[in-house]
Amino acid sequence: MKKFSTLTIATVITDRFLTPDFNDVKDFLSYITGENLYTHQLPRAADKCEKFLNKSFPQIAAIKGWVNDQCEQGKVKLVQEFLIKCFGEELEVKTRQKCKALHNLTNFLTSAPF
């Protein structure tokens, strides 16, 4: 297990840019897939990891609608502060070995026509 910023994890789960550094998202998705992903692979990797992340972090997945509503109203800072206050600065993350759905992600990503 490895710790990642709560805001990075929430960025991937909610599809809202909450983390201050985009490279954190790349590092996070690369870690959970076990592969060094390129930028163009990140959206597809996030989609493939969705069930795994929702199951691993149900507390964040449960408030996805609220996060999206607040961000649409321009309250990104409020969302960031709320997430850190409720869940802490960092959360522990399992690797790909814990997620069977990601087992062939590398083959999928490298063979996909994009």
PDB file of N, CA and C in Angstrom:
ATOM      1  N   MET A   1       0.843  -1.190   0.000  1.00  0.00           N
ATOM      2  CA  MET A   1       0.000   0.000   0.000  1.00  0.00           C
ATOM      3  C   MET A   1       0.880   1.243   0.000  1.00  0.00           C
ATOM      4  N   LYS A   2       0.303   2.291  -0.548  1.00  0.00           N
ATOM      5  CA  LYS A   2       0.991   3.567  -0.626  1.00  0.00           C
ATOM      6  C   LYS A   2      -0.034   4.665  -0.356  1.00  0.00           C
ATOM      7  N   LYS A   3       0.416   5.757   0.205  1.00  0.00           N
ATOM      8  CA  LYS A   3      -0.486   6.872   0.484  1.00  0.00           C
ATOM      9  C   LYS A   3      -0.455   7.880  -0.655  1.00  0.00           C
ATOM     10  N   PHE A   4      -1.663   8.397  -0.973  1.00  0.00           N
ATOM     11  CA  PHE A   4      -1.823   9.447  -1.964  1.00  0.00           C
ATOM     12  C   PHE A   4      -2.719  10.530  -1.389  1.00  0.00           C
ATOM     13  N   SER A   5      -2.601  11.706  -1.939  1.00  0.00           N
ATOM     14  CA  SER A   5      -3.416  12.833  -1.519  1.00  0.00           C
ATOM     15  C   SER A   5      -4.901  12.514  -1.696  1.00  0.00           C
ATOM     16  N   THR A   6      -5.674  12.861  -0.699  1.00  0.00           N
ATOM     17  CA  THR A   6      -7.122  12.701  -0.773  1.00  0.00           C
ATOM     18  C   THR A   6      -7.684  13.465  -1.969  1.00  0.00           C
ATOM     19  N   LEU A   7      -7.122  14.632  -2.243  1.00  0.00           N
ATOM     20  CA  LEU A   7      -7.608  15.437  -3.368  1.00  0.00           C
ATOM     21  C   LEU A   7      -7.304  14.778  -4.711  1.00  0.00           C
ATOM     22  N   THR A   8      -6.207  14.059  -4.803  1.00  0.00           N
ATOM     23  CA  THR A   8      -5.881  13.333  -6.031  1.00  0.00           C
ATOM     24  C   THR A   8      -6.872  12.200  -6.255  1.00  0.00           C
ATOM     25  N   ILE A   9      -7.141  11.447  -5.215  1.00  0.00           N
ATOM     26  CA  ILE A   9      -8.093  10.340  -5.305  1.00  0.00           C
ATOM     27  C   ILE A   9      -9.485  10.872  -5.652  1.00  0.00           C
ATOM     28  N   ALA A  10      -9.875  11.953  -4.990  1.00  0.00           N
ATOM     29  CA  ALA A  10     -11.183  12.555  -5.265  1.00  0.00           C
ATOM     30  C   ALA A  10     -11.264  13.100  -6.694  1.00  0.00           C
ATOM     31  N   THR A  11     -10.162  13.591  -7.229  1.00  0.00           N
ATOM     32  CA  THR A  11     -10.135  14.074  -8.609  1.00  0.00           C
ATOM     33  C   THR A  11     -10.509  12.956  -9.573  1.00  0.00           C
ATOM     34  N   VAL A  12      -9.939  11.785  -9.363  1.00  0.00           N
ATOM     35  CA  VAL A  12     -10.203  10.660 -10.262  1.00  0.00           C
ATOM     36  C   VAL A  12     -11.629  10.136 -10.074  1.00  0.00           C
ATOM     37  N   ILE A  13     -12.073  10.033  -8.839  1.00  0.00           N
ATOM     38  CA  ILE A  13     -13.405   9.486  -8.566  1.00  0.00           C
ATOM     39  C   ILE A  13     -14.518  10.421  -9.054  1.00  0.00           C
ATOM     40  N   THR A  14     -14.342  11.719  -8.855  1.00  0.00           N
ATOM     41  CA  THR A  14     -15.420  12.671  -9.155  1.00  0.00           C
ATOM     42  C   THR A  14     -15.328  13.301 -10.545  1.00  0.00           C
ATOM     43  N   ASP A  15     -14.229  13.101 -11.230  1.00  0.00           N
ATOM     44  CA  ASP A  15     -14.002  13.750 -12.534  1.00  0.00           C
ATOM     45  C   ASP A  15     -13.948  15.269 -12.415  1.00  0.00           C
ATOM     46  N   ARG A  16     -13.602  15.756 -11.246  1.00  0.00           N
ATOM     47  CA  ARG A  16     -13.430  17.196 -11.017  1.00  0.00           C
ATOM     48  C   ARG A  16     -11.981  17.431 -10.610  1.00  0.00           C
ATOM     49  N   PHE A  17     -11.352  18.431 -11.186  1.00  0.00           N
ATOM     50  CA  PHE A  17      -9.937  18.689 -10.901  1.00  0.00           C
ATOM     51  C   PHE A  17      -9.810  19.368  -9.549  1.00  0.00           C
ATOM     52  N   LEU A  18      -9.465  18.584  -8.540  1.00  0.00           N
ATOM     53  CA  LEU A  18      -9.374  19.077  -7.169  1.00  0.00           C
ATOM     54  C   LEU A  18      -7.949  19.119  -6.643  1.00  0.00           C
ATOM     55  N   THR A  19      -7.055  18.407  -7.288  1.00  0.00           N
ATOM     56  CA  THR A  19      -5.668  18.352  -6.834  1.00  0.00           C
ATOM     57  C   THR A  19      -4.870  19.494  -7.460  1.00  0.00           C
ATOM     58  N   PRO A  20      -3.899  20.038  -6.742  1.00  0.00           N
ATOM     59  CA  PRO A  20      -3.144  21.162  -7.294  1.00  0.00           C
ATOM     60  C   PRO A  20      -2.142  20.769  -8.390  1.00  0.00           C
ATOM     61  N   ASP A  21      -1.838  19.484  -8.533  1.00  0.00           N
ATOM     62  CA  ASP A  21      -0.819  19.064  -9.494  1.00  0.00           C
ATOM     63  C   ASP A  21      -1.315  17.895 -10.340  1.00  0.00           C
ATOM     64  N   PHE A  22      -1.426  18.110 -11.642  1.00  0.00           N
ATOM     65  CA  PHE A  22      -1.893  17.069 -12.561  1.00  0.00           C
ATOM     66  C   PHE A  22      -1.009  15.828 -12.531  1.00  0.00           C
ATOM     67  N   ASN A  23       0.274  16.007 -12.291  1.00  0.00           N
ATOM     68  CA  ASN A  23       1.188  14.854 -12.236  1.00  0.00           C
ATOM     69  C   ASN A  23       0.810  13.884 -11.123  1.00  0.00           C
ATOM     70  N   ASP A  24       0.163  14.384 -10.077  1.00  0.00           N
ATOM     71  CA  ASP A  24      -0.291  13.503  -8.996  1.00  0.00           C
ATOM     72  C   ASP A  24      -1.325  12.502  -9.512  1.00  0.00           C
ATOM     73  N   VAL A  25      -2.179  12.934 -10.428  1.00  0.00           N
ATOM     74  CA  VAL A  25      -3.189  12.049 -11.015  1.00  0.00           C
ATOM     75  C   VAL A  25      -2.503  10.959 -11.834  1.00  0.00           C
ATOM     76  N   LYS A  26      -1.525  11.346 -12.622  1.00  0.00           N
ATOM     77  CA  LYS A  26      -0.771  10.383 -13.429  1.00  0.00           C
ATOM     78  C   LYS A  26      -0.063   9.372 -12.532  1.00  0.00           C
ATOM     79  N   ASP A  27       0.596   9.857 -11.483  1.00  0.00           N
ATOM     80  CA  ASP A  27       1.297   8.961 -10.553  1.00  0.00           C
ATOM     81  C   ASP A  27       0.326   8.008  -9.869  1.00  0.00           C
ATOM     82  N   PHE A  28      -0.826   8.522  -9.466  1.00  0.00           N
ATOM     83  CA  PHE A  28      -1.838   7.714  -8.779  1.00  0.00           C
ATOM     84  C   PHE A  28      -2.359   6.597  -9.685  1.00  0.00           C
ATOM     85  N   LEU A  29      -2.784   6.959 -10.891  1.00  0.00           N
ATOM     86  CA  LEU A  29      -3.317   5.948 -11.808  1.00  0.00           C
ATOM     87  C   LEU A  29      -2.235   4.963 -12.246  1.00  0.00           C
ATOM     88  N   SER A  30      -1.023   5.427 -12.403  1.00  0.00           N
ATOM     89  CA  SER A  30       0.080   4.523 -12.741  1.00  0.00           C
ATOM     90  C   SER A  30       0.315   3.530 -11.607  1.00  0.00           C
ATOM     91  N   TYR A  31       0.214   4.000 -10.383  1.00  0.00           N
ATOM     92  CA  TYR A  31       0.417   3.112  -9.234  1.00  0.00           C
ATOM     93  C   TYR A  31      -0.659   2.032  -9.159  1.00  0.00           C
ATOM     94  N   ILE A  32      -1.919   2.421  -9.259  1.00  0.00           N
ATOM     95  CA  ILE A  32      -2.966   1.412  -9.073  1.00  0.00           C
ATOM     96  C   ILE A  32      -3.085   0.461 -10.255  1.00  0.00           C
ATOM     97  N   THR A  33      -2.621   0.889 -11.428  1.00  0.00           N
ATOM     98  CA  THR A  33      -2.641  -0.033 -12.569  1.00  0.00           C
ATOM     99  C   THR A  33      -1.357  -0.841 -12.659  1.00  0.00           C
ATOM    100  N   GLY A  34      -0.319  -0.387 -11.982  1.00  0.00           N
ATOM    101  CA  GLY A  34       0.961  -1.084 -12.042  1.00  0.00           C
ATOM    102  C   GLY A  34       1.735  -0.786 -13.316  1.00  0.00           C
ATOM    103  N   GLU A  35       1.339   0.244 -14.036  1.00  0.00           N
ATOM    104  CA  GLU A  35       1.977   0.599 -15.306  1.00  0.00           C
ATOM    105  C   GLU A  35       2.322   2.081 -15.326  1.00  0.00           C
ATOM    106  N   ASN A  36       3.346   2.425 -16.088  1.00  0.00           N
ATOM    107  CA  ASN A  36       3.706   3.822 -16.280  1.00  0.00           C
ATOM    108  C   ASN A  36       2.854   4.371 -17.410  1.00  0.00           C
ATOM    109  N   LEU A  37       1.758   5.002 -17.064  1.00  0.00           N
ATOM    110  CA  LEU A  37       0.794   5.474 -18.057  1.00  0.00           C
ATOM    111  C   LEU A  37       1.224   6.795 -18.679  1.00  0.00           C
ATOM    112  N   TYR A  38       0.835   6.968 -19.930  1.00  0.00           N
ATOM    113  CA  TYR A  38       1.038   8.236 -20.622  1.00  0.00           C
ATOM    114  C   TYR A  38      -0.231   9.077 -20.451  1.00  0.00           C
ATOM    115  N   THR A  39      -0.077  10.368 -20.642  1.00  0.00           N
ATOM    116  CA  THR A  39      -1.188  11.294 -20.415  1.00  0.00           C
ATOM    117  C   THR A  39      -2.440  10.902 -21.194  1.00  0.00           C
ATOM    118  N   HIS A  40      -2.293  10.496 -22.438  1.00  0.00           N
ATOM    119  CA  HIS A  40      -3.475  10.166 -23.245  1.00  0.00           C
ATOM    120  C   HIS A  40      -4.176   8.896 -22.756  1.00  0.00           C
ATOM    121  N   GLN A  41      -3.531   8.110 -21.912  1.00  0.00           N
ATOM    122  CA  GLN A  41      -4.126   6.888 -21.378  1.00  0.00           C
ATOM    123  C   GLN A  41      -4.909   7.115 -20.086  1.00  0.00           C
ATOM    124  N   LEU A  42      -4.739   8.243 -19.471  1.00  0.00           N
ATOM    125  CA  LEU A  42      -5.339   8.489 -18.145  1.00  0.00           C
ATOM    126  C   LEU A  42      -6.867   8.442 -18.125  1.00  0.00           C
ATOM    127  N   PRO A  43      -7.567   9.064 -19.065  1.00  0.00           N
ATOM    128  CA  PRO A  43      -9.031   8.983 -19.006  1.00  0.00           C
ATOM    129  C   PRO A  43      -9.547   7.546 -19.098  1.00  0.00           C
ATOM    130  N   ARG A  44      -8.979   6.765 -19.971  1.00  0.00           N
ATOM    131  CA  ARG A  44      -9.418   5.375 -20.124  1.00  0.00           C
ATOM    132  C   ARG A  44      -9.042   4.551 -18.882  1.00  0.00           C
ATOM    133  N   ALA A  45      -7.873   4.802 -18.324  1.00  0.00           N
ATOM    134  CA  ALA A  45      -7.468   4.102 -17.105  1.00  0.00           C
ATOM    135  C   ALA A  45      -8.414   4.452 -15.956  1.00  0.00           C
ATOM    136  N   ALA A  46      -8.779   5.727 -15.848  1.00  0.00           N
ATOM    137  CA  ALA A  46      -9.706   6.149 -14.791  1.00  0.00           C
ATOM    138  C   ALA A  46     -11.059   5.469 -14.957  1.00  0.00           C
ATOM    139  N   ASP A  47     -11.531   5.362 -16.196  1.00  0.00           N
ATOM    140  CA  ASP A  47     -12.803   4.676 -16.448  1.00  0.00           C
ATOM    141  C   ASP A  47     -12.729   3.210 -16.049  1.00  0.00           C
ATOM    142  N   LYS A  48     -11.635   2.558 -16.392  1.00  0.00           N
ATOM    143  CA  LYS A  48     -11.475   1.134 -16.072  1.00  0.00           C
ATOM    144  C   LYS A  48     -11.315   0.902 -14.575  1.00  0.00           C
ATOM    145  N   CYS A  49     -10.810   1.899 -13.872  1.00  0.00           N
ATOM    146  CA  CYS A  49     -10.577   1.783 -12.427  1.00  0.00           C
ATOM    147  C   CYS A  49     -11.781   2.215 -11.596  1.00  0.00           C
ATOM    148  N   GLU A  50     -12.822   2.711 -12.237  1.00  0.00           N
ATOM    149  CA  GLU A  50     -13.942   3.319 -11.519  1.00  0.00           C
ATOM    150  C   GLU A  50     -14.542   2.400 -10.455  1.00  0.00           C
ATOM    151  N   LYS A  51     -14.885   1.173 -10.813  1.00  0.00           N
ATOM    152  CA  LYS A  51     -15.498   0.263  -9.836  1.00  0.00           C
ATOM    153  C   LYS A  51     -14.552  -0.028  -8.675  1.00  0.00           C
ATOM    154  N   PHE A  52     -13.292  -0.249  -9.004  1.00  0.00           N
ATOM    155  CA  PHE A  52     -12.286  -0.511  -7.979  1.00  0.00           C
ATOM    156  C   PHE A  52     -12.172   0.668  -7.017  1.00  0.00           C
ATOM    157  N   LEU A  53     -12.125   1.880  -7.556  1.00  0.00           N
ATOM    158  CA  LEU A  53     -11.988   3.068  -6.713  1.00  0.00           C
ATOM    159  C   LEU A  53     -13.241   3.334  -5.890  1.00  0.00           C
ATOM    160  N   ASN A  54     -14.411   3.152  -6.498  1.00  0.00           N
ATOM    161  CA  ASN A  54     -15.657   3.340  -5.748  1.00  0.00           C
ATOM    162  C   ASN A  54     -15.771   2.356  -4.595  1.00  0.00           C
ATOM    163  N   LYS A  55     -15.297   1.136  -4.820  1.00  0.00           N
ATOM    164  CA  LYS A  55     -15.325   0.124  -3.763  1.00  0.00           C
ATOM    165  C   LYS A  55     -14.261   0.407  -2.698  1.00  0.00           C
ATOM    166  N   SER A  56     -13.107   0.884  -3.136  1.00  0.00           N
ATOM    167  CA  SER A  56     -12.010   1.166  -2.210  1.00  0.00           C
ATOM    168  C   SER A  56     -12.245   2.429  -1.387  1.00  0.00           C
ATOM    169  N   PHE A  57     -12.946   3.402  -1.968  1.00  0.00           N
ATOM    170  CA  PHE A  57     -13.186   4.687  -1.299  1.00  0.00           C
ATOM    171  C   PHE A  57     -14.667   5.065  -1.368  1.00  0.00           C
ATOM    172  N   PRO A  58     -15.527   4.265  -0.746  1.00  0.00           N
ATOM    173  CA  PRO A  58     -16.971   4.532  -0.831  1.00  0.00           C
ATOM    174  C   PRO A  58     -17.364   5.864  -0.197  1.00  0.00           C
ATOM    175  N   GLN A  59     -16.581   6.322   0.757  1.00  0.00           N
ATOM    176  CA  GLN A  59     -16.887   7.583   1.422  1.00  0.00           C
ATOM    177  C   GLN A  59     -16.774   8.762   0.449  1.00  0.00           C
ATOM    178  N   ILE A  60     -15.869   8.675  -0.520  1.00  0.00           N
ATOM    179  CA  ILE A  60     -15.740   9.740  -1.523  1.00  0.00           C
ATOM    180  C   ILE A  60     -16.751   9.517  -2.647  1.00  0.00           C
ATOM    181  N   ALA A  61     -16.907   8.277  -3.066  1.00  0.00           N
ATOM    182  CA  ALA A  61     -17.870   7.963  -4.130  1.00  0.00           C
ATOM    183  C   ALA A  61     -19.284   8.384  -3.727  1.00  0.00           C
ATOM    184  N   ALA A  62     -19.604   8.268  -2.441  1.00  0.00           N
ATOM    185  CA  ALA A  62     -20.944   8.598  -1.949  1.00  0.00           C
ATOM    186  C   ALA A  62     -21.278  10.084  -2.069  1.00  0.00           C
ATOM    187  N   ILE A  63     -20.261  10.936  -2.100  1.00  0.00           N
ATOM    188  CA  ILE A  63     -20.522  12.381  -2.173  1.00  0.00           C
ATOM    189  C   ILE A  63     -20.171  12.965  -3.541  1.00  0.00           C
ATOM    190  N   LYS A  64     -20.016  12.112  -4.538  1.00  0.00           N
ATOM    191  CA  LYS A  64     -19.668  12.579  -5.885  1.00  0.00           C
ATOM    192  C   LYS A  64     -20.659  13.623  -6.401  1.00  0.00           C
ATOM    193  N   GLY A  65     -21.941  13.384  -6.220  1.00  0.00           N
ATOM    194  CA  GLY A  65     -22.958  14.340  -6.674  1.00  0.00           C
ATOM    195  C   GLY A  65     -22.816  15.682  -5.992  1.00  0.00           C
ATOM    196  N   TRP A  66     -22.595  15.661  -4.682  1.00  0.00           N
ATOM    197  CA  TRP A  66     -22.418  16.907  -3.931  1.00  0.00           C
ATOM    198  C   TRP A  66     -21.174  17.646  -4.415  1.00  0.00           C
ATOM    199  N   VAL A  67     -20.081  16.909  -4.615  1.00  0.00           N
ATOM    200  CA  VAL A  67     -18.847  17.529  -5.103  1.00  0.00           C
ATOM    201  C   VAL A  67     -19.094  18.202  -6.449  1.00  0.00           C
ATOM    202  N   ASN A  68     -19.741  17.503  -7.358  1.00  0.00           N
ATOM    203  CA  ASN A  68     -20.017  18.073  -8.675  1.00  0.00           C
ATOM    204  C   ASN A  68     -20.903  19.318  -8.576  1.00  0.00           C
ATOM    205  N   ASP A  69     -21.931  19.267  -7.741  1.00  0.00           N
ATOM    206  CA  ASP A  69     -22.809  20.430  -7.557  1.00  0.00           C
ATOM    207  C   ASP A  69     -22.037  21.640  -7.033  1.00  0.00           C
ATOM    208  N   GLN A  70     -21.208  21.420  -6.037  1.00  0.00           N
ATOM    209  CA  GLN A  70     -20.439  22.514  -5.446  1.00  0.00           C
ATOM    210  C   GLN A  70     -19.438  23.095  -6.442  1.00  0.00           C
ATOM    211  N   CYS A  71     -18.779  22.214  -7.204  1.00  0.00           N
ATOM    212  CA  CYS A  71     -17.804  22.691  -8.199  1.00  0.00           C
ATOM    213  C   CYS A  71     -18.484  23.490  -9.302  1.00  0.00           C
ATOM    214  N   GLU A  72     -19.674  23.073  -9.703  1.00  0.00           N
ATOM    215  CA  GLU A  72     -20.420  23.820 -10.717  1.00  0.00           C
ATOM    216  C   GLU A  72     -20.789  25.215 -10.220  1.00  0.00           C
ATOM    217  N   GLN A  73     -20.916  25.357  -8.911  1.00  0.00           N
ATOM    218  CA  GLN A  73     -21.228  26.656  -8.316  1.00  0.00           C
ATOM    219  C   GLN A  73     -19.961  27.458  -8.008  1.00  0.00           C
ATOM    220  N   GLY A  74     -18.797  26.925  -8.425  1.00  0.00           N
ATOM    221  CA  GLY A  74     -17.536  27.631  -8.206  1.00  0.00           C
ATOM    222  C   GLY A  74     -16.970  27.493  -6.806  1.00  0.00           C
ATOM    223  N   LYS A  75     -17.409  26.495  -6.076  1.00  0.00           N
ATOM    224  CA  LYS A  75     -16.977  26.321  -4.692  1.00  0.00           C
ATOM    225  C   LYS A  75     -15.926  25.213  -4.553  1.00  0.00           C
ATOM    226  N   VAL A  76     -14.941  25.236  -5.432  1.00  0.00           N
ATOM    227  CA  VAL A  76     -13.897  24.207  -5.439  1.00  0.00           C
ATOM    228  C   VAL A  76     -13.093  24.227  -4.138  1.00  0.00           C
ATOM    229  N   LYS A  77     -12.745  25.412  -3.667  1.00  0.00           N
ATOM    230  CA  LYS A  77     -11.969  25.539  -2.421  1.00  0.00           C
ATOM    231  C   LYS A  77     -12.743  24.938  -1.242  1.00  0.00           C
ATOM    232  N   LEU A  78     -14.026  25.171  -1.186  1.00  0.00           N
ATOM    233  CA  LEU A  78     -14.872  24.597  -0.141  1.00  0.00           C
ATOM    234  C   LEU A  78     -14.822  23.072  -0.192  1.00  0.00           C
ATOM    235  N   VAL A  79     -14.911  22.510  -1.388  1.00  0.00           N
ATOM    236  CA  VAL A  79     -14.865  21.058  -1.566  1.00  0.00           C
ATOM    237  C   VAL A  79     -13.513  20.524  -1.108  1.00  0.00           C
ATOM    238  N   GLN A  80     -12.438  21.182  -1.505  1.00  0.00           N
ATOM    239  CA  GLN A  80     -11.100  20.747  -1.109  1.00  0.00           C
ATOM    240  C   GLN A  80     -10.948  20.744   0.416  1.00  0.00           C
ATOM    241  N   GLU A  81     -11.374  21.798   1.045  1.00  0.00           N
ATOM    242  CA  GLU A  81     -11.281  21.903   2.508  1.00  0.00           C
ATOM    243  C   GLU A  81     -12.133  20.839   3.192  1.00  0.00           C
ATOM    244  N   PHE A  82     -13.327  20.610   2.668  1.00  0.00           N
ATOM    245  CA  PHE A  82     -14.227  19.599   3.225  1.00  0.00           C
ATOM    246  C   PHE A  82     -13.603  18.205   3.145  1.00  0.00           C
ATOM    247  N   LEU A  83     -13.065  17.858   1.976  1.00  0.00           N
ATOM    248  CA  LEU A  83     -12.473  16.532   1.790  1.00  0.00           C
ATOM    249  C   LEU A  83     -11.302  16.303   2.739  1.00  0.00           C
ATOM    250  N   ILE A  84     -10.452  17.292   2.873  1.00  0.00           N
ATOM    251  CA  ILE A  84      -9.295  17.150   3.762  1.00  0.00           C
ATOM    252  C   ILE A  84      -9.734  17.075   5.220  1.00  0.00           C
ATOM    253  N   LYS A  85     -10.710  17.879   5.600  1.00  0.00           N
ATOM    254  CA  LYS A  85     -11.198  17.853   6.986  1.00  0.00           C
ATOM    255  C   LYS A  85     -11.856  16.517   7.320  1.00  0.00           C
ATOM    256  N   CYS A  86     -12.624  15.979   6.387  1.00  0.00           N
ATOM    257  CA  CYS A  86     -13.347  14.726   6.648  1.00  0.00           C
ATOM    258  C   CYS A  86     -12.478  13.477   6.542  1.00  0.00           C
ATOM    259  N   PHE A  87     -11.580  13.454   5.570  1.00  0.00           N
ATOM    260  CA  PHE A  87     -10.849  12.223   5.269  1.00  0.00           C
ATOM    261  C   PHE A  87      -9.350  12.308   5.505  1.00  0.00           C
ATOM    262  N   GLY A  88      -8.854  13.490   5.832  1.00  0.00           N
ATOM    263  CA  GLY A  88      -7.428  13.672   6.057  1.00  0.00           C
ATOM    264  C   GLY A  88      -6.697  14.047   4.775  1.00  0.00           C
ATOM    265  N   GLU A  89      -5.427  14.394   4.926  1.00  0.00           N
ATOM    266  CA  GLU A  89      -4.608  14.821   3.789  1.00  0.00           C
ATOM    267  C   GLU A  89      -4.347  13.686   2.798  1.00  0.00           C
ATOM    268  N   GLU A  90      -4.173  12.460   3.333  1.00  0.00           N
ATOM    269  CA  GLU A  90      -3.816  11.324   2.489  1.00  0.00           C
ATOM    270  C   GLU A  90      -4.633  10.095   2.849  1.00  0.00           C
ATOM    271  N   LEU A  91      -4.752   9.194   1.851  1.00  0.00           N
ATOM    272  CA  LEU A  91      -5.422   7.913   2.054  1.00  0.00           C
ATOM    273  C   LEU A  91      -4.527   6.803   1.517  1.00  0.00           C
ATOM    274  N   GLU A  92      -4.609   5.626   2.134  1.00  0.00           N
ATOM    275  CA  GLU A  92      -3.841   4.483   1.652  1.00  0.00           C
ATOM    276  C   GLU A  92      -4.536   3.863   0.448  1.00  0.00           C
ATOM    277  N   VAL A  93      -3.736   3.459  -0.528  1.00  0.00           N
ATOM    278  CA  VAL A  93      -4.253   2.931  -1.778  1.00  0.00           C
ATOM    279  C   VAL A  93      -3.679   1.550  -2.037  1.00  0.00           C
ATOM    280  N   LYS A  94      -4.557   0.622  -2.441  1.00  0.00           N
ATOM    281  CA  LYS A  94      -4.123  -0.717  -2.819  1.00  0.00           C
ATOM    282  C   LYS A  94      -3.549  -0.682  -4.232  1.00  0.00           C
ATOM    283  N   THR A  95      -2.715  -1.655  -4.539  1.00  0.00           N
ATOM    284  CA  THR A  95      -2.163  -1.746  -5.893  1.00  0.00           C
ATOM    285  C   THR A  95      -3.034  -2.616  -6.777  1.00  0.00           C
ATOM    286  N   ARG A  96      -2.642  -2.728  -8.014  1.00  0.00           N
ATOM    287  CA  ARG A  96      -3.371  -3.487  -9.017  1.00  0.00           C
ATOM    288  C   ARG A  96      -3.597  -4.938  -8.612  1.00  0.00           C
ATOM    289  N   GLN A  97      -2.687  -5.530  -7.887  1.00  0.00           N
ATOM    290  CA  GLN A  97      -2.825  -6.928  -7.511  1.00  0.00           C
ATOM    291  C   GLN A  97      -4.111  -7.190  -6.736  1.00  0.00           C
ATOM    292  N   LYS A  98      -4.659  -6.181  -6.129  1.00  0.00           N
ATOM    293  CA  LYS A  98      -5.897  -6.313  -5.366  1.00  0.00           C
ATOM    294  C   LYS A  98      -7.131  -6.142  -6.245  1.00  0.00           C
ATOM    295  N   CYS A  99      -6.934  -5.792  -7.500  1.00  0.00           N
ATOM    296  CA  CYS A  99      -8.057  -5.471  -8.385  1.00  0.00           C
ATOM    297  C   CYS A  99      -7.998  -6.318  -9.650  1.00  0.00           C
ATOM    298  N   LYS A 100      -8.764  -7.381  -9.700  1.00  0.00           N
ATOM    299  CA  LYS A 100      -8.756  -8.285 -10.847  1.00  0.00           C
ATOM    300  C   LYS A 100      -9.209  -7.603 -12.129  1.00  0.00           C
ATOM    301  N   ALA A 101     -10.084  -6.623 -12.010  1.00  0.00           N
ATOM    302  CA  ALA A 101     -10.591  -5.936 -13.206  1.00  0.00           C
ATOM    303  C   ALA A 101      -9.496  -5.190 -13.948  1.00  0.00           C
ATOM    304  N   LEU A 102      -8.399  -4.884 -13.270  1.00  0.00           N
ATOM    305  CA  LEU A 102      -7.315  -4.138 -13.899  1.00  0.00           C
ATOM    306  C   LEU A 102      -6.212  -5.046 -14.429  1.00  0.00           C
ATOM    307  N   HIS A 103      -6.380  -6.351 -14.302  1.00  0.00           N
ATOM    308  CA  HIS A 103      -5.309  -7.291 -14.638  1.00  0.00           C
ATOM    309  C   HIS A 103      -4.784  -7.118 -16.058  1.00  0.00           C
ATOM    310  N   ASN A 104      -5.647  -6.925 -17.009  1.00  0.00           N
ATOM    311  CA  ASN A 104      -5.215  -6.791 -18.397  1.00  0.00           C
ATOM    312  C   ASN A 104      -5.308  -5.362 -18.909  1.00  0.00           C
ATOM    313  N   LEU A 105      -5.276  -4.409 -18.012  1.00  0.00           N
ATOM    314  CA  LEU A 105      -5.414  -3.013 -18.417  1.00  0.00           C
ATOM    315  C   LEU A 105      -4.307  -2.586 -19.374  1.00  0.00           C
ATOM    316  N   THR A 106      -3.080  -3.007 -19.115  1.00  0.00           N
ATOM    317  CA  THR A 106      -1.971  -2.608 -19.976  1.00  0.00           C
ATOM    318  C   THR A 106      -2.192  -3.084 -21.400  1.00  0.00           C
ATOM    319  N   ASN A 107      -2.577  -4.329 -21.558  1.00  0.00           N
ATOM    320  CA  ASN A 107      -2.835  -4.851 -22.901  1.00  0.00           C
ATOM    321  C   ASN A 107      -3.965  -4.083 -23.568  1.00  0.00           C
ATOM    322  N   PHE A 108      -4.992  -3.787 -22.804  1.00  0.00           N
ATOM    323  CA  PHE A 108      -6.120  -3.039 -23.339  1.00  0.00           C
ATOM    324  C   PHE A 108      -5.705  -1.655 -23.813  1.00  0.00           C
ATOM    325  N   LEU A 109      -4.937  -0.970 -22.959  1.00  0.00           N
ATOM    326  CA  LEU A 109      -4.533   0.398 -23.280  1.00  0.00           C
ATOM    327  C   LEU A 109      -3.560   0.445 -24.452  1.00  0.00           C
ATOM    328  N   THR A 110      -2.655  -0.499 -24.514  1.00  0.00           N
ATOM    329  CA  THR A 110      -1.653  -0.458 -25.582  1.00  0.00           C
ATOM    330  C   THR A 110      -2.226  -0.942 -26.917  1.00  0.00           C
ATOM    331  N   SER A 111      -3.286  -1.756 -26.890  1.00  0.00           N
ATOM    332  CA  SER A 111      -3.850  -2.246 -28.144  1.00  0.00           C
ATOM    333  C   SER A 111      -5.009  -1.386 -28.648  1.00  0.00           C
ATOM    334  N   ALA A 112      -5.504  -0.501 -27.801  1.00  0.00           N
ATOM    335  CA  ALA A 112      -6.644   0.332 -28.197  1.00  0.00           C
ATOM    336  C   ALA A 112      -6.220   1.352 -29.255  1.00  0.00           C
ATOM    337  N   PRO A 113      -7.055   1.571 -30.237  1.00  0.00           N
ATOM    338  CA  PRO A 113      -6.711   2.508 -31.322  1.00  0.00           C
ATOM    339  C   PRO A 113      -6.943   3.965 -30.941  1.00  0.00           C
ATOM    340  N   PHE A 114      -6.095   4.515 -30.116  1.00  0.00           N
ATOM    341  CA  PHE A 114      -6.202   5.941 -29.772  1.00  0.00           C
ATOM    342  C   PHE A 114      -4.844   6.546 -29.650  1.00  0.00           C
TER     343      PHE A 114
END
